Amino acid sequence: MSARAILAASFFTTLVALALFIVGIIYMVQGEEFTSTALFLGALALTGISWAVSRAAAAREVPLVRVFEVSTELICPSCGFRELRAFQKGDYIFKPAGKCPRCGKERYISSIFREEKAPEAAREESL
């Protein structure tokens, strides 16, 4: 049974418990204490069952793990050459990043950003 069907059944059980509670109030107003007490206890039991079932269904669901690809942008201030590469541990903004391949002058890290991978690719990697 799917998690969605289990949650629908739990919702239906909660509605039945609410109906029992309302009928129990009606019997209580009429003075039938035993019947109203039985209906209240039945409503309480159904509410507890509904809660336990919904918690079990929620625990069965596998959460979607969002996967990000972190990139670093290198820029040469003299010639404007830009290069993107994968983030490396120790990268920070304005860190010197070696010589520019175009003009030979010093370049630096201008930005570090993340891009979310497509949901299908992220799901395949998490499995």
Protein backbone atom coordinates (compact mmCIF):
# COMPACT_ATOMS: atom_id res chain seq x y z
CA MET A 1 0.00 0.00 0.00
CA SER A 2 1.39 3.41 -0.93
CA ALA A 3 2.08 6.11 1.62
CA ARG A 4 -0.57 8.31 0.03
CA ALA A 5 -3.24 5.59 0.48
CA ILE A 6 -2.18 5.02 4.09
CA LEU A 7 -2.47 8.74 4.82
CA ALA A 8 -5.92 8.82 3.17
CA ALA A 9 -7.05 5.91 5.36
CA SER A 10 -5.67 7.72 8.42
CA PHE A 11 -7.60 10.85 7.47
CA PHE A 12 -10.80 8.82 7.04
CA THR A 13 -10.24 7.23 10.47
CA THR A 14 -9.88 10.69 11.98
CA LEU A 15 -13.18 11.77 10.40
CA VAL A 16 -14.92 8.70 11.87
CA ALA A 17 -13.44 9.54 15.28
CA LEU A 18 -14.75 13.10 14.97
CA ALA A 19 -18.22 11.77 14.12
CA LEU A 20 -18.12 9.46 17.17
CA PHE A 21 -17.14 12.42 19.34
CA ILE A 22 -20.05 14.52 18.06
CA VAL A 23 -22.51 11.65 18.59
CA GLY A 24 -21.05 11.18 22.08
CA ILE A 25 -21.77 14.83 22.88
CA ILE A 26 -25.37 14.37 21.73
CA TYR A 27 -25.79 11.30 23.99
CA MET A 28 -24.17 13.17 26.88
CA VAL A 29 -26.65 16.05 26.54
CA GLN A 30 -29.51 13.50 26.57
CA GLY A 31 -28.19 12.09 29.85
CA GLU A 32 -26.94 8.67 28.66
CA GLU A 33 -23.58 8.66 30.37
CA PHE A 34 -22.57 5.08 29.62
CA THR A 35 -23.19 5.40 25.87
CA SER A 36 -21.49 8.79 25.65
CA THR A 37 -18.47 7.49 27.60
CA ALA A 38 -18.19 4.49 25.26
CA LEU A 39 -18.37 6.77 22.21
CA PHE A 40 -15.73 9.13 23.65
CA LEU A 41 -13.38 6.21 24.35
CA GLY A 42 -13.98 4.87 20.84
CA ALA A 43 -13.19 8.29 19.36
CA LEU A 44 -10.04 8.49 21.48
CA ALA A 45 -8.93 5.02 20.37
CA LEU A 46 -9.54 5.80 16.68
CA THR A 47 -7.65 9.08 17.01
CA GLY A 48 -4.67 7.26 18.52
CA ILE A 49 -4.74 4.61 15.79
CA SER A 50 -4.96 7.32 13.13
CA TRP A 51 -2.00 9.16 14.61
CA ALA A 52 0.12 6.00 14.82
CA VAL A 53 -0.69 5.01 11.23
CA SER A 54 0.10 8.47 9.87
CA ARG A 55 3.43 8.54 11.75
CA ALA A 56 4.34 5.11 10.38
CA ALA A 57 3.48 6.21 6.84
CA ALA A 58 5.54 9.37 7.19
CA ALA A 59 8.51 7.36 8.46
CA ARG A 60 8.34 5.06 5.42
CA GLU A 61 8.72 7.90 2.94
CA VAL A 62 12.23 8.50 1.66
CA PRO A 63 13.03 12.20 1.81
CA LEU A 64 14.32 13.85 -1.33
CA VAL A 65 17.95 14.80 -0.84
CA ARG A 66 18.88 17.95 -2.67
CA VAL A 67 22.31 17.72 -4.27
CA PHE A 68 24.28 20.80 -5.15
CA GLU A 69 27.33 21.20 -7.34
CA VAL A 70 29.61 23.94 -5.98
CA SER A 71 31.70 25.84 -8.51
CA THR A 72 34.46 28.42 -8.28
CA GLU A 73 34.93 31.23 -10.79
CA LEU A 74 38.46 32.47 -11.45
CA ILE A 75 39.04 35.84 -13.09
CA CYS A 76 42.05 37.76 -14.37
CA PRO A 77 41.61 41.50 -13.61
CA SER A 78 43.96 42.63 -16.36
CA CYS A 79 42.60 40.75 -19.41
CA GLY A 80 39.16 39.67 -18.12
CA PHE A 81 39.73 35.94 -18.72
CA ARG A 82 37.16 33.86 -16.76
CA GLU A 83 37.33 30.20 -15.90
CA LEU A 84 34.96 27.91 -13.99
CA ARG A 85 36.17 24.90 -12.04
CA ALA A 86 34.86 22.62 -9.32
CA PHE A 87 35.13 23.96 -5.78
CA GLN A 88 38.21 22.82 -3.90
CA LYS A 89 38.61 22.77 -0.15
CA GLY A 90 40.29 25.99 0.96
CA ASP A 91 38.80 28.20 -1.78
CA TYR A 92 37.68 31.67 -0.71
CA ILE A 93 36.82 34.93 -2.46
CA PHE A 94 39.83 37.04 -3.56
CA LYS A 95 42.23 34.11 -3.03
CA PRO A 96 45.11 34.24 -5.53
CA ALA A 97 44.64 31.43 -8.04
CA GLY A 98 47.90 31.32 -10.00
CA LYS A 99 48.88 32.76 -13.35
CA CYS A 100 46.42 33.61 -16.13
CA PRO A 101 46.81 31.26 -19.13
CA ARG A 102 46.10 34.15 -21.53
CA CYS A 103 48.27 37.05 -20.25
CA GLY A 104 50.41 35.45 -17.52
CA LYS A 105 49.40 37.89 -14.78
CA GLU A 106 47.95 36.95 -11.40
CA ARG A 107 44.28 35.89 -11.27
CA TYR A 108 42.01 35.41 -8.26
CA ILE A 109 38.78 33.70 -7.19
CA SER A 110 35.91 36.10 -7.90
CA SER A 111 32.92 33.99 -6.82
CA ILE A 112 31.87 30.67 -5.33
CA PHE A 113 28.35 29.49 -6.07
CA ARG A 114 26.18 26.40 -6.07
CA GLU A 115 23.85 24.99 -8.69
CA GLU A 116 21.18 22.44 -7.91
CA LYS A 117 21.38 19.28 -9.96
CA ALA A 118 18.33 17.97 -11.79
CA PRO A 119 15.98 15.98 -9.49
CA GLU A 120 16.47 12.76 -11.51
CA ALA A 121 20.26 12.93 -11.21
CA ALA A 122 20.06 13.75 -7.51
CA ARG A 123 17.73 10.79 -6.84
CA GLU A 124 20.02 8.38 -8.71
CA GLU A 125 23.03 9.52 -6.68
CA SER A 126 21.19 9.20 -3.36
CA LEU A 127 20.20 5.60 -4.08
